[in-house]
């Protein structure tokens, strides 16, 4: 494996761990907190990260990426119960 690929994978793993630690540290009742009134809430940002993985895996599995085609089961939860378990 090339040095660049190994560096990317190491950085990805470290950032993934840090992101998960941050998300697990958030109080469950505060996922709708918006640091910027015009931006996404903390919960929406977290769910968006998970959606990106779902779309990528779905496209790879199907062998095609199509606009408007959503992977099944990626609707954002309407409440905070178990949200960190899904991230």
Protein backbone atom coordinates (compact mmCIF):
# COMPACT_ATOMS: atom_id res chain seq x y z
CA UNK A 1 0.00 0.00 0.00
CA UNK A 2 1.34 3.42 -0.91
CA UNK A 3 2.41 5.88 1.76
CA UNK A 4 -0.31 8.34 0.72
CA UNK A 5 -3.04 5.72 1.07
CA UNK A 6 -1.72 4.62 4.45
CA UNK A 7 -1.59 8.24 5.64
CA UNK A 8 -5.16 8.80 4.44
CA UNK A 9 -6.44 5.66 6.18
CA UNK A 10 -4.66 6.51 9.43
CA UNK A 11 -6.01 10.06 9.39
CA UNK A 12 -9.53 8.81 8.52
CA UNK A 13 -9.48 6.32 11.42
CA UNK A 14 -8.28 8.96 13.89
CA UNK A 15 -10.83 11.56 12.78
CA UNK A 16 -13.61 8.96 12.89
CA UNK A 17 -12.73 8.11 16.50
CA UNK A 18 -12.63 11.80 17.45
CA UNK A 19 -15.98 12.50 15.78
CA UNK A 20 -17.63 9.55 17.51
CA UNK A 21 -16.25 10.67 20.89
CA UNK A 22 -17.67 14.16 20.34
CA UNK A 23 -21.09 12.82 19.32
CA UNK A 24 -21.26 10.46 22.30
CA UNK A 25 -20.39 13.36 24.62
CA UNK A 26 -23.40 15.43 23.52
CA UNK A 27 -26.33 15.36 25.94
CA UNK A 28 -29.15 13.39 24.30
CA UNK A 29 -31.60 16.25 24.78
CA UNK A 30 -29.44 18.73 22.88
CA UNK A 31 -29.15 17.22 19.42
CA UNK A 32 -31.32 20.05 18.08
CA UNK A 33 -28.92 22.74 19.37
CA UNK A 34 -27.93 25.10 16.55
CA UNK A 35 -24.57 26.82 17.03
CA UNK A 36 -25.58 29.05 14.10
CA UNK A 37 -29.27 29.95 13.76
CA UNK A 38 -29.05 29.61 9.98
CA UNK A 39 -27.16 26.33 9.99
CA UNK A 40 -27.85 22.69 10.74
CA UNK A 41 -28.32 21.44 14.28
CA UNK A 42 -25.74 19.16 15.89
CA UNK A 43 -28.06 16.19 15.31
CA UNK A 44 -28.60 17.11 11.66
CA UNK A 45 -24.84 17.38 11.13
CA UNK A 46 -24.28 13.99 12.75
CA UNK A 47 -27.00 12.39 10.67
CA UNK A 48 -25.57 13.98 7.52
CA UNK A 49 -22.24 12.24 8.18
CA UNK A 50 -24.05 8.91 8.43
CA UNK A 51 -26.04 9.66 5.26
CA UNK A 52 -22.86 10.20 3.26
CA UNK A 53 -21.67 6.70 4.14
CA UNK A 54 -25.09 5.26 3.31
CA UNK A 55 -25.19 6.94 -0.10
CA UNK A 56 -21.63 5.87 -0.89
CA UNK A 57 -22.19 2.25 0.09
CA UNK A 58 -25.54 2.15 -1.72
CA UNK A 59 -24.03 3.52 -4.92
CA UNK A 60 -21.10 1.12 -4.79
CA UNK A 61 -23.40 -1.82 -4.15
CA UNK A 62 -25.62 -0.90 -7.10
CA UNK A 63 -22.71 0.05 -9.35
CA UNK A 64 -24.26 3.44 -10.11
CA UNK A 65 -24.79 6.79 -8.38
CA UNK A 66 -28.08 8.43 -9.34
CA UNK A 67 -29.39 11.79 -8.21
CA UNK A 68 -32.63 11.47 -6.27
CA UNK A 69 -32.23 7.75 -5.49
CA UNK A 70 -32.07 7.34 -1.71
CA UNK A 71 -30.79 4.31 0.14
CA UNK A 72 -33.56 2.56 2.09
CA UNK A 73 -33.92 3.27 5.80
CA UNK A 74 -31.94 6.50 6.11
CA UNK A 75 -34.71 8.76 7.37
CA UNK A 76 -33.49 10.92 10.26
CA UNK A 77 -34.90 9.86 13.63
CA UNK A 78 -37.60 12.18 14.96
CA UNK A 79 -36.37 11.91 18.56
CA UNK A 80 -33.04 11.42 20.37
CA UNK A 81 -33.67 7.95 21.81
CA UNK A 82 -30.81 5.71 20.74
CA UNK A 83 -29.42 8.28 18.31
CA UNK A 84 -25.80 7.68 19.33
CA UNK A 85 -26.34 3.95 18.84
CA UNK A 86 -27.15 4.65 15.19
CA UNK A 87 -24.14 6.91 14.54
